[in-house]
């Protein structure tokens, strides 16, 4: 009986040990799986951290490259200012430091609009013209032309008459003062306000007849007034 109890106890212990070993094997297997999973997770994390680190390094390189380009562009842009600054400083040793700073831009003041020039006032013209003036030289010239014309037509030249000269001047002055033409009626007479009295009379049949008359004395009087020559030729029949 004691042997049977001992055998049963021994069998129970053996079974218990076997069961314990199996449980320990199971526990060991589970522990290995957990350890492997944790290791895999660590490896994945390291890979992700490495990728992130690589990405960060690349971004830093790109930023550095862009920064260098920006700095190069900034340097190129500021070079003219550096030259201007150096020129302004007269080439002194402090010119380089001044050139590194952007020169302040002075705003251009707006152009002042000048007032429109005042229109020039035209000179005041005296409405009253100068008084009539005696044109003795012109009268002598016309008298000489008439005598040449008479000789060309077989006539004797006129003799100069002081009386007719006084009458011709008085009538020419009266016409110039009144700016009108009329005959005095005292003698054979030619009148005109043309600039060329001789040709005006020669081309008029009535006046041409007086120029070639048979009288021997004559005279010419001329006055100038307000742009016109008032001329008178008188002769006695």
C-alpha atoms as a PDB file:
ATOM      1  CA  UNK A   1       0.000   0.000   0.000  1.00  0.00           C
ATOM      2  CA  UNK A   2       2.773   2.377   0.821  1.00  0.00           C
ATOM      3  CA  UNK A   3       4.474   1.444  -2.424  1.00  0.00           C
ATOM      4  CA  UNK A   4       1.332   2.321  -4.408  1.00  0.00           C
ATOM      5  CA  UNK A   5       1.084   5.654  -2.676  1.00  0.00           C
ATOM      6  CA  UNK A   6       4.699   6.345  -3.352  1.00  0.00           C
ATOM      7  CA  UNK A   7       4.285   5.406  -7.046  1.00  0.00           C
ATOM      8  CA  UNK A   8       1.160   7.561  -7.360  1.00  0.00           C
ATOM      9  CA  UNK A   9       2.970  10.510  -5.750  1.00  0.00           C
ATOM     10  CA  UNK A  10       5.973   9.972  -7.977  1.00  0.00           C
ATOM     11  CA  UNK A  11       3.736   9.808 -11.063  1.00  0.00           C
ATOM     12  CA  UNK A  12       1.995  12.976  -9.943  1.00  0.00           C
ATOM     13  CA  UNK A  13       5.295  14.748  -9.497  1.00  0.00           C
ATOM     14  CA  UNK A  14       6.520  13.554 -12.869  1.00  0.00           C
ATOM     15  CA  UNK A  15       3.332  14.724 -14.533  1.00  0.00           C
ATOM     16  CA  UNK A  16       3.550  18.011 -12.657  1.00  0.00           C
ATOM     17  CA  UNK A  17       7.157  18.523 -13.667  1.00  0.00           C
ATOM     18  CA  UNK A  18       6.318  17.691 -17.264  1.00  0.00           C
ATOM     19  CA  UNK A  19       3.400  20.105 -17.208  1.00  0.00           C
ATOM     20  CA  UNK A  20       5.579  22.762 -15.623  1.00  0.00           C
ATOM     21  CA  UNK A  21       8.236  22.285 -18.261  1.00  0.00           C
ATOM     22  CA  UNK A  22       5.643  22.621 -20.984  1.00  0.00           C
ATOM     23  CA  UNK A  23       4.307  25.791 -19.410  1.00  0.00           C
ATOM     24  CA  UNK A  24       7.817  27.101 -19.060  1.00  0.00           C
ATOM     25  CA  UNK A  25       8.439  26.210 -22.700  1.00  0.00           C
ATOM     26  CA  UNK A  26       5.242  28.055 -23.632  1.00  0.00           C
ATOM     27  CA  UNK A  27       6.230  31.030 -21.503  1.00  0.00           C
ATOM     28  CA  UNK A  28       9.697  30.966 -23.033  1.00  0.00           C
ATOM     29  CA  UNK A  29       8.255  30.847 -26.510  1.00  0.00           C
ATOM     30  CA  UNK A  30       5.948  33.787 -25.783  1.00  0.00           C
ATOM     31  CA  UNK A  31       8.845  35.716 -24.245  1.00  0.00           C
ATOM     32  CA  UNK A  32      10.939  35.078 -27.351  1.00  0.00           C
ATOM     33  CA  UNK A  33       8.114  36.334 -29.586  1.00  0.00           C
ATOM     34  CA  UNK A  34       7.698  39.472 -27.488  1.00  0.00           C
ATOM     35  CA  UNK A  35      11.453  40.045 -27.485  1.00  0.00           C
ATOM     36  CA  UNK A  36      11.571  39.611 -31.268  1.00  0.00           C
ATOM     37  CA  UNK A  37       8.604  41.990 -31.755  1.00  0.00           C
ATOM     38  CA  UNK A  38      10.277  44.612 -29.563  1.00  0.00           C
ATOM     39  CA  UNK A  39      13.485  44.189 -31.504  1.00  0.00           C
ATOM     40  CA  UNK A  40      11.615  44.624 -34.771  1.00  0.00           C
ATOM     41  CA  UNK A  41       9.927  47.733 -33.422  1.00  0.00           C
ATOM     42  CA  UNK A  42      13.285  49.150 -32.377  1.00  0.00           C
ATOM     43  CA  UNK A  43      14.706  48.385 -35.797  1.00  0.00           C
ATOM     44  CA  UNK A  44      11.725  50.093 -37.519  1.00  0.00           C
ATOM     45  CA  UNK A  45      12.081  53.091 -35.229  1.00  0.00           C
ATOM     46  CA  UNK A  46      15.772  53.335 -35.997  1.00  0.00           C
ATOM     47  CA  UNK A  47      15.051  53.117 -39.714  1.00  0.00           C
ATOM     48  CA  UNK A  48      12.407  55.852 -39.429  1.00  0.00           C
ATOM     49  CA  UNK A  49      14.737  58.026 -37.353  1.00  0.00           C
ATOM     50  CA  UNK A  50      17.470  57.489 -39.922  1.00  0.00           C
ATOM     51  CA  UNK A  51      15.109  58.433 -42.790  1.00  0.00           C
ATOM     52  CA  UNK A  52      13.974  61.465 -40.849  1.00  0.00           C
ATOM     53  CA  UNK A  53      17.566  62.412 -40.174  1.00  0.00           C
ATOM     54  CA  UNK A  54      18.447  62.025 -43.846  1.00  0.00           C
ATOM     55  CA  UNK A  55      15.434  64.096 -44.859  1.00  0.00           C
ATOM     56  CA  UNK A  56      16.377  66.794 -42.357  1.00  0.00           C
ATOM     57  CA  UNK A  57      19.974  66.813 -43.609  1.00  0.00           C
ATOM     58  CA  UNK A  58      18.785  67.149 -47.214  1.00  0.00           C
ATOM     59  CA  UNK A  59      16.432  69.982 -46.266  1.00  0.00           C
ATOM     60  CA  UNK A  60      19.287  71.680 -44.431  1.00  0.00           C
ATOM     61  CA  UNK A  61      21.480  71.294 -47.516  1.00  0.00           C
ATOM     62  CA  UNK A  62      18.732  72.733 -49.732  1.00  0.00           C
ATOM     63  CA  UNK A  63      18.210  75.605 -47.302  1.00  0.00           C
ATOM     64  CA  UNK A  64      21.937  76.205 -47.209  1.00  0.00           C
ATOM     65  CA  UNK A  65      22.105  76.164 -51.017  1.00  0.00           C
ATOM     66  CA  UNK A  66      19.171  78.560 -51.307  1.00  0.00           C
ATOM     67  CA  UNK A  67      20.693  80.738 -48.646  1.00  0.00           C
ATOM     68  CA  UNK A  68      23.990  80.858 -50.528  1.00  0.00           C
ATOM     69  CA  UNK A  69      22.129  81.806 -53.742  1.00  0.00           C
ATOM     70  CA  UNK A  70      20.228  84.497 -51.900  1.00  0.00           C
ATOM     71  CA  UNK A  71      23.413  85.782 -50.320  1.00  0.00           C
ATOM     72  CA  UNK A  72      25.134  85.748 -53.702  1.00  0.00           C
ATOM     73  CA  UNK A  73      22.224  87.628 -55.257  1.00  0.00           C
ATOM     74  CA  UNK A  74      22.235  90.062 -52.362  1.00  0.00           C
ATOM     75  CA  UNK A  75      25.972  90.578 -52.784  1.00  0.00           C
ATOM     76  CA  UNK A  76      25.522  91.173 -56.524  1.00  0.00           C
ATOM     77  CA  UNK A  77      22.732  93.614 -55.828  1.00  0.00           C
ATOM     78  CA  UNK A  78      24.675  95.524 -53.243  1.00  0.00           C
ATOM     79  CA  UNK A  79      27.886  95.704 -55.264  1.00  0.00           C
ATOM     80  CA  UNK A  80      26.944  98.981 -57.020  1.00  0.00           C
ATOM     81  CA  UNK A  81      26.112 100.460 -53.645  1.00  0.00           C
ATOM     82  CA  UNK A  82      29.499  99.276 -52.355  1.00  0.00           C
ATOM     83  CA  UNK A  83      31.245 100.986 -55.271  1.00  0.00           C
ATOM     84  CA  UNK A  84      29.264 104.141 -54.765  1.00  0.00           C
ATOM     85  CA  UNK A  85      30.036 104.050 -51.074  1.00  0.00           C
ATOM     86  CA  UNK A  86      33.744 103.571 -51.769  1.00  0.00           C
ATOM     87  CA  UNK A  87      33.756 106.401 -54.261  1.00  0.00           C
ATOM     88  CA  UNK A  88      31.944 108.642 -51.832  1.00  0.00           C
ATOM     89  CA  UNK A  89      34.320 107.817 -48.997  1.00  0.00           C
ATOM     90  CA  UNK A  90      37.309 108.728 -51.163  1.00  0.00           C
ATOM     91  CA  UNK A  91      38.812 105.196 -51.051  1.00  0.00           C
ATOM     92  CA  UNK A  92      39.555 105.237 -47.300  1.00  0.00           C
ATOM     93  CA  UNK A  93      39.981 102.061 -45.245  1.00  0.00           C
ATOM     94  CA  UNK A  94      36.552 102.473 -43.725  1.00  0.00           C
ATOM     95  CA  UNK A  95      34.950 102.435 -47.138  1.00  0.00           C
ATOM     96  CA  UNK A  96      34.537  98.635 -47.138  1.00  0.00           C
ATOM     97  CA  UNK A  97      32.494  98.653 -43.945  1.00  0.00           C
ATOM     98  CA  UNK A  98      30.330 101.457 -45.229  1.00  0.00           C
ATOM     99  CA  UNK A  99      29.818  99.654 -48.504  1.00  0.00           C
ATOM    100  CA  UNK A 100      28.338  96.599 -46.772  1.00  0.00           C
ATOM    101  CA  UNK A 101      25.348  98.679 -45.715  1.00  0.00           C
ATOM    102  CA  UNK A 102      22.673  99.716 -48.150  1.00  0.00           C
ATOM    103  CA  UNK A 103      22.795 103.430 -48.821  1.00  0.00           C
ATOM    104  CA  UNK A 104      19.490 105.087 -47.833  1.00  0.00           C
ATOM    105  CA  UNK A 105      17.530 106.173 -50.880  1.00  0.00           C
ATOM    106  CA  UNK A 106      16.582 109.826 -50.787  1.00  0.00           C
ATOM    107  CA  UNK A 107      13.091 110.316 -52.282  1.00  0.00           C
ATOM    108  CA  UNK A 108      13.011 112.596 -55.296  1.00  0.00           C
ATOM    109  CA  UNK A 109      11.049 115.725 -54.432  1.00  0.00           C
ATOM    110  CA  UNK A 110       8.120 116.454 -56.761  1.00  0.00           C
ATOM    111  CA  UNK A 111       8.810 118.961 -59.501  1.00  0.00           C
ATOM    112  CA  UNK A 112       7.480 122.370 -58.794  1.00  0.00           C
ATOM    113  CA  UNK A 113       5.034 123.512 -61.424  1.00  0.00           C
ATOM    114  CA  UNK A 114       6.059 126.909 -62.639  1.00  0.00           C
ATOM    115  CA  UNK A 115       3.259 129.358 -63.216  1.00  0.00           C
ATOM    116  CA  UNK A 116       2.347 129.925 -66.822  1.00  0.00           C
ATOM    117  CA  UNK A 117       4.110 132.954 -68.263  1.00  0.00           C
ATOM    118  CA  UNK A 118       1.976 135.989 -68.519  1.00  0.00           C
ATOM    119  CA  UNK A 119       1.063 136.936 -72.079  1.00  0.00           C
ATOM    120  CA  UNK A 120       3.137 139.766 -73.391  1.00  0.00           C
ATOM    121  CA  UNK A 121       1.245 142.989 -73.546  1.00  0.00           C
ATOM    122  CA  UNK A 122       1.361 144.308 -77.091  1.00  0.00           C
ATOM    123  CA  UNK A 123       2.865 147.744 -77.402  1.00  0.00           C
ATOM    124  CA  UNK A 124       0.392 150.554 -77.281  1.00  0.00           C
ATOM    125  CA  UNK A 125      -0.039 151.952 -80.751  1.00  0.00           C
ATOM    126  CA  UNK A 126      -0.869 155.586 -80.914  1.00  0.00           C
ATOM    127  CA  UNK A 127      -4.208 155.701 -82.756  1.00  0.00           C
ATOM    128  CA  UNK A 128      -3.279 159.103 -84.083  1.00  0.00           C
ATOM    129  CA  UNK A 129      -0.711 158.796 -86.925  1.00  0.00           C
ATOM    130  CA  UNK A 130       2.086 161.267 -87.428  1.00  0.00           C
ATOM    131  CA  UNK A 131       1.069 164.474 -89.197  1.00  0.00           C
ATOM    132  CA  UNK A 132       1.464 164.671 -93.011  1.00  0.00           C
ATOM    133  CA  UNK A 133       5.045 165.165 -94.182  1.00  0.00           C
ATOM    134  CA  UNK A 134       6.231 166.964 -97.300  1.00  0.00           C
ATOM    135  CA  UNK A 135       7.942 164.613 -99.801  1.00  0.00           C
ATOM    136  CA  UNK A 136       9.997 167.188-101.720  1.00  0.00           C
ATOM    137  CA  UNK A 137      12.557 164.690-103.076  1.00  0.00           C
ATOM    138  CA  UNK A 138       9.828 162.481-104.480  1.00  0.00           C
ATOM    139  CA  UNK A 139       8.079 165.517-106.016  1.00  0.00           C
ATOM    140  CA  UNK A 140      11.306 166.571-107.794  1.00  0.00           C
ATOM    141  CA  UNK A 141      11.734 163.029-109.143  1.00  0.00           C
ATOM    142  CA  UNK A 142       8.187 162.956-110.590  1.00  0.00           C
ATOM    143  CA  UNK A 143       8.659 166.411-112.171  1.00  0.00           C
ATOM    144  CA  UNK A 144      11.843 165.164-113.903  1.00  0.00           C
ATOM    145  CA  UNK A 145      10.043 162.011-115.175  1.00  0.00           C
ATOM    146  CA  UNK A 146       7.296 164.141-116.711  1.00  0.00           C
ATOM    147  CA  UNK A 147       9.815 166.308-118.602  1.00  0.00           C
ATOM    148  CA  UNK A 148      11.643 163.249-119.967  1.00  0.00           C
ATOM    149  CA  UNK A 149       8.306 161.833-121.105  1.00  0.00           C
ATOM    150  CA  UNK A 150       7.412 165.104-122.816  1.00  0.00           C
ATOM    151  CA  UNK A 151      10.723 165.146-124.692  1.00  0.00           C
ATOM    152  CA  UNK A 152      10.147 161.551-125.803  1.00  0.00           C
ATOM    153  CA  UNK A 153       6.844 162.712-127.304  1.00  0.00           C
ATOM    154  CA  UNK A 154       8.275 165.796-129.059  1.00  0.00           C
ATOM    155  CA  UNK A 155       7.244 168.316-126.410  1.00  0.00           C
ATOM    156  CA  UNK A 156       9.306 170.992-124.680  1.00  0.00           C
ATOM    157  CA  UNK A 157      10.019 170.281-120.973  1.00  0.00           C
ATOM    158  CA  UNK A 158       8.054 172.232-118.376  1.00  0.00           C
ATOM    159  CA  UNK A 159       9.626 175.197-116.666  1.00  0.00           C
ATOM    160  CA  UNK A 160       9.446 175.152-112.858  1.00  0.00           C
ATOM    161  CA  UNK A 161       6.837 177.560-111.429  1.00  0.00           C
ATOM    162  CA  UNK A 162       7.141 178.700-107.790  1.00  0.00           C
ATOM    163  CA  UNK A 163       3.487 179.851-107.768  1.00  0.00           C
ATOM    164  CA  UNK A 164       2.239 176.505-109.045  1.00  0.00           C
ATOM    165  CA  UNK A 165       4.567 174.756-106.601  1.00  0.00           C
ATOM    166  CA  UNK A 166       2.993 176.622-103.655  1.00  0.00           C
ATOM    167  CA  UNK A 167      -0.512 175.780-104.915  1.00  0.00           C
ATOM    168  CA  UNK A 168       0.331 172.090-105.508  1.00  0.00           C
ATOM    169  CA  UNK A 169       1.831 171.664-102.022  1.00  0.00           C
ATOM    170  CA  UNK A 170      -1.176 173.322-100.347  1.00  0.00           C
ATOM    171  CA  UNK A 171      -3.664 171.104-102.192  1.00  0.00           C
ATOM    172  CA  UNK A 172      -1.612 167.911-101.516  1.00  0.00           C
ATOM    173  CA  UNK A 173      -1.468 168.785 -97.811  1.00  0.00           C
ATOM    174  CA  UNK A 174      -5.230 169.368 -97.660  1.00  0.00           C
ATOM    175  CA  UNK A 175      -5.983 165.994 -99.316  1.00  0.00           C
ATOM    176  CA  UNK A 176      -3.545 164.170 -96.990  1.00  0.00           C
ATOM    177  CA  UNK A 177      -5.032 165.788 -93.889  1.00  0.00           C
ATOM    178  CA  UNK A 178      -8.549 164.813 -94.880  1.00  0.00           C
ATOM    179  CA  UNK A 179      -7.429 161.500 -96.481  1.00  0.00           C
ATOM    180  CA  UNK A 180      -9.483 162.240 -99.583  1.00  0.00           C
ATOM    181  CA  UNK A 181      -9.006 163.175-103.246  1.00  0.00           C
ATOM    182  CA  UNK A 182     -10.601 166.134-105.085  1.00  0.00           C
ATOM    183  CA  UNK A 183      -9.634 168.709-107.684  1.00  0.00           C
ATOM    184  CA  UNK A 184      -8.910 172.267-106.649  1.00  0.00           C
ATOM    185  CA  UNK A 185     -10.296 173.669-109.924  1.00  0.00           C
ATOM    186  CA  UNK A 186      -7.738 176.484-110.253  1.00  0.00           C
ATOM    187  CA  UNK A 187      -5.587 175.007-113.049  1.00  0.00           C
ATOM    188  CA  UNK A 188      -5.019 171.990-115.248  1.00  0.00           C
ATOM    189  CA  UNK A 189      -4.419 169.408-112.587  1.00  0.00           C
ATOM    190  CA  UNK A 190      -3.571 165.689-111.992  1.00  0.00           C
ATOM    191  CA  UNK A 191      -4.143 164.051-108.580  1.00  0.00           C
ATOM    192  CA  UNK A 192      -3.565 160.540-107.160  1.00  0.00           C
ATOM    193  CA  UNK A 193      -2.721 158.617-103.987  1.00  0.00           C
ATOM    194  CA  UNK A 194      -0.710 155.858-105.723  1.00  0.00           C
ATOM    195  CA  UNK A 195       2.912 155.287-104.712  1.00  0.00           C
ATOM    196  CA  UNK A 196       4.030 155.844-108.339  1.00  0.00           C
ATOM    197  CA  UNK A 197       2.253 159.044-109.419  1.00  0.00           C
ATOM    198  CA  UNK A 198       3.965 159.387-112.837  1.00  0.00           C
ATOM    199  CA  UNK A 199       2.904 155.949-114.154  1.00  0.00           C
ATOM    200  CA  UNK A 200      -0.584 156.370-112.666  1.00  0.00           C
ATOM    201  CA  UNK A 201      -1.094 159.605-114.633  1.00  0.00           C
ATOM    202  CA  UNK A 202       0.596 158.367-117.825  1.00  0.00           C
ATOM    203  CA  UNK A 203      -1.711 155.300-117.928  1.00  0.00           C
ATOM    204  CA  UNK A 204      -4.850 157.454-117.504  1.00  0.00           C
ATOM    205  CA  UNK A 205      -5.951 159.030-120.859  1.00  0.00           C
ATOM    206  CA  UNK A 206      -7.318 162.220-119.263  1.00  0.00           C
ATOM    207  CA  UNK A 207      -4.244 162.770-117.111  1.00  0.00           C
ATOM    208  CA  UNK A 208      -1.870 161.797-119.931  1.00  0.00           C
ATOM    209  CA  UNK A 209      -3.344 164.616-122.072  1.00  0.00           C
ATOM    210  CA  UNK A 210      -2.451 167.168-119.363  1.00  0.00           C
ATOM    211  CA  UNK A 211       1.117 165.805-119.108  1.00  0.00           C
ATOM    212  CA  UNK A 212       1.565 166.404-122.887  1.00  0.00           C
ATOM    213  CA  UNK A 213      -0.190 169.785-123.051  1.00  0.00           C
ATOM    214  CA  UNK A 214       1.387 172.852-124.754  1.00  0.00           C
ATOM    215  CA  UNK A 215       1.836 174.896-121.582  1.00  0.00           C
ATOM    216  CA  UNK A 216       5.370 175.752-120.512  1.00  0.00           C
ATOM    217  CA  UNK A 217       5.161 176.061-116.686  1.00  0.00           C
ATOM    218  CA  UNK A 218       4.240 173.396-114.074  1.00  0.00           C
ATOM    219  CA  UNK A 219       4.986 172.049-110.611  1.00  0.00           C
ATOM    220  CA  UNK A 220       4.461 168.888-108.463  1.00  0.00           C
ATOM    221  CA  UNK A 221       3.546 168.757-104.741  1.00  0.00           C
ATOM    222  CA  UNK A 222       3.460 165.487-102.654  1.00  0.00           C
ATOM    223  CA  UNK A 223       2.597 164.808 -98.972  1.00  0.00           C
ATOM    224  CA  UNK A 224       2.740 161.468 -97.154  1.00  0.00           C
ATOM    225  CA  UNK A 225       0.173 160.541 -94.495  1.00  0.00           C
ATOM    226  CA  UNK A 226      -0.942 157.270 -92.855  1.00  0.00           C
ATOM    227  CA  UNK A 227       0.545 154.987 -95.529  1.00  0.00           C
ATOM    228  CA  UNK A 228      -0.384 156.980 -98.676  1.00  0.00           C
ATOM    229  CA  UNK A 229       1.289 159.526-100.941  1.00  0.00           C
ATOM    230  CA  UNK A 230      -1.067 162.348-101.920  1.00  0.00           C
ATOM    231  CA  UNK A 231       0.327 163.842-105.165  1.00  0.00           C
ATOM    232  CA  UNK A 232      -0.721 166.934-107.197  1.00  0.00           C
ATOM    233  CA  UNK A 233       0.526 168.125-110.632  1.00  0.00           C
ATOM    234  CA  UNK A 234      -0.536 171.558-111.896  1.00  0.00           C
ATOM    235  CA  UNK A 235       0.214 173.434-115.091  1.00  0.00           C
ATOM    236  CA  UNK A 236      -1.148 176.565-116.836  1.00  0.00           C
ATOM    237  CA  UNK A 237      -2.756 176.322-120.297  1.00  0.00           C
END
